[in-house]
Amino acid sequence: QVQLVESGGGWGQPGGSLRLSCAVSENIFQTNTVGWYRQVPGKARELVARITTVSLTWYINSVKGRFTISRDAAKSSVYLQMNGLKTEVTGTYYCNTVPWVIINARPWWGQGTQVTVST
């Protein structure tokens, strides 16, 4: 069973904060690195942050020091705390394994959650 359901997006002001949540099916949560990807129209989807099963983290340079990825085993969930928002972080955010889930030889993606940062 594949479940990675994003929530928590919305609108934020520059300098503000948003928190994204991802509910992950337990079988995936326990055995996979999970990451947050961002897609902006006209650009390739990019990995923004990831967290391993032992909570080792990695961030793209542009968000280091402002974003924090975390995981909660009790809730089988992964979070992305986004502080110090900048307009350039606007995009659709997807939660997925790293590398992403493949089903029937095709990449699988959930619906994502929209993040918009503007004044």
Protein backbone atom coordinates (compact mmCIF):
# COMPACT_ATOMS: atom_id res chain seq x y z
CA GLN A 1 0.00 0.00 0.00
CA VAL A 2 1.33 3.39 -1.00
CA GLN A 3 0.21 6.36 1.02
CA LEU A 4 1.97 9.71 1.11
CA VAL A 5 -0.61 12.42 1.64
CA GLU A 6 0.47 16.03 1.84
CA SER A 7 -1.27 18.79 3.75
CA GLY A 8 -0.58 22.14 5.33
CA GLY A 9 0.24 24.32 2.35
CA GLY A 10 -1.26 27.70 1.80
CA TRP A 11 -0.29 31.30 1.65
CA GLY A 12 2.48 32.90 3.64
CA GLN A 13 4.11 36.27 3.82
CA PRO A 14 7.83 36.79 3.23
CA GLY A 15 9.57 36.12 6.51
CA GLY A 16 6.67 34.07 7.78
CA SER A 17 6.30 30.37 8.44
CA LEU A 18 4.35 27.40 7.16
CA ARG A 19 4.39 23.77 8.20
CA LEU A 20 3.76 20.94 5.79
CA SER A 21 2.68 17.50 6.89
CA CYS A 22 2.87 14.16 5.14
CA ALA A 23 0.96 11.12 6.34
CA VAL A 24 2.95 8.06 5.26
CA SER A 25 1.84 4.47 5.19
CA GLU A 26 3.65 2.58 7.89
CA ASN A 27 5.40 0.11 5.60
CA ILE A 28 6.94 2.97 3.65
CA PHE A 29 7.70 5.11 6.70
CA GLN A 30 9.64 2.39 8.47
CA THR A 31 11.91 1.42 5.59
CA ASN A 32 12.44 4.47 3.36
CA THR A 33 14.06 7.84 3.26
CA VAL A 34 11.28 10.36 2.73
CA GLY A 35 11.68 13.76 1.17
CA TRP A 36 9.89 16.91 0.19
CA TYR A 37 10.06 17.87 -3.45
CA ARG A 38 9.06 21.20 -5.00
CA GLN A 39 7.78 21.86 -8.48
CA VAL A 40 7.46 25.24 -10.08
CA PRO A 41 5.72 25.60 -13.47
CA GLY A 42 8.23 25.30 -16.27
CA LYS A 43 10.92 23.78 -14.08
CA ALA A 44 11.85 20.27 -13.11
CA ARG A 45 10.73 18.91 -9.79
CA GLU A 46 13.54 19.22 -7.27
CA LEU A 47 14.27 17.62 -3.94
CA VAL A 48 14.22 20.23 -1.18
CA ALA A 49 14.85 18.13 1.92
CA ARG A 50 15.01 14.51 2.94
CA ILE A 51 15.15 12.49 6.15
CA THR A 52 16.31 8.94 6.62
CA THR A 53 14.80 6.30 8.87
CA VAL A 54 17.38 7.24 11.50
CA SER A 55 16.62 10.94 11.12
CA LEU A 56 19.66 11.97 9.15
CA THR A 57 18.70 15.05 7.17
CA TRP A 58 19.77 16.84 4.01
CA TYR A 59 18.64 20.16 2.54
CA ILE A 60 19.06 21.96 -0.71
CA ASN A 61 21.41 24.92 -0.16
CA SER A 62 18.72 27.53 -0.73
CA VAL A 63 16.70 26.44 2.31
CA LYS A 64 19.44 25.49 4.75
CA GLY A 65 18.95 27.20 8.10
CA ARG A 66 15.32 28.08 7.31
CA PHE A 67 13.60 24.74 6.68
CA THR A 68 13.53 21.78 9.05
CA ILE A 69 12.40 18.30 8.08
CA SER A 70 11.36 15.92 10.82
CA ARG A 71 9.58 12.64 11.32
CA ASP A 72 7.23 11.29 13.97
CA ALA A 73 7.19 7.50 14.18
CA ALA A 74 4.13 7.44 16.42
CA LYS A 75 2.14 9.24 13.73
CA SER A 76 3.96 7.77 10.73
CA SER A 77 4.35 11.30 9.46
CA VAL A 78 7.00 13.56 8.03
CA TYR A 79 6.96 17.32 8.40
CA LEU A 80 8.58 20.31 6.79
CA GLN A 81 8.78 23.42 8.93
CA MET A 82 9.35 26.37 6.64
CA ASN A 83 10.59 29.51 8.34
CA GLY A 84 11.91 32.72 6.88
CA LEU A 85 9.71 32.30 3.85
CA LYS A 86 10.88 33.81 0.59
CA THR A 87 8.87 34.30 -2.57
CA GLU A 88 11.15 31.88 -4.42
CA VAL A 89 9.91 28.94 -2.34
CA THR A 90 6.50 29.23 -3.97
CA GLY A 91 5.50 26.02 -5.66
CA THR A 92 3.72 22.73 -5.28
CA TYR A 93 5.30 20.53 -2.63
CA TYR A 94 5.21 16.77 -2.83
CA CYS A 95 6.12 14.20 -0.25
CA ASN A 96 7.68 11.04 -1.63
CA THR A 97 10.34 8.51 -0.97
CA VAL A 98 13.91 9.18 -2.10
CA PRO A 99 14.16 8.06 -4.80
CA TRP A 100 10.48 8.40 -5.60
CA VAL A 101 7.99 5.58 -5.64
CA ILE A 102 7.76 3.59 -8.85
CA ILE A 103 4.56 1.70 -9.65
CA ASN A 104 4.27 -0.37 -12.80
CA ALA A 105 7.53 1.15 -14.04
CA ARG A 106 6.16 4.69 -13.71
CA PRO A 107 6.88 7.38 -11.12
CA TRP A 108 4.10 7.79 -8.60
CA TRP A 109 3.25 11.19 -7.13
CA GLY A 110 0.50 12.31 -4.82
CA GLN A 111 -1.55 15.46 -5.25
CA GLY A 112 0.91 17.74 -3.54
CA THR A 113 0.17 20.86 -1.57
CA GLN A 114 0.49 24.39 -2.89
CA VAL A 115 2.70 26.91 -1.11
CA THR A 116 2.45 30.52 -2.14
CA VAL A 117 4.64 33.23 -0.63
CA SER A 118 3.75 36.76 -1.52
CA THR A 119 3.18 40.19 -0.02
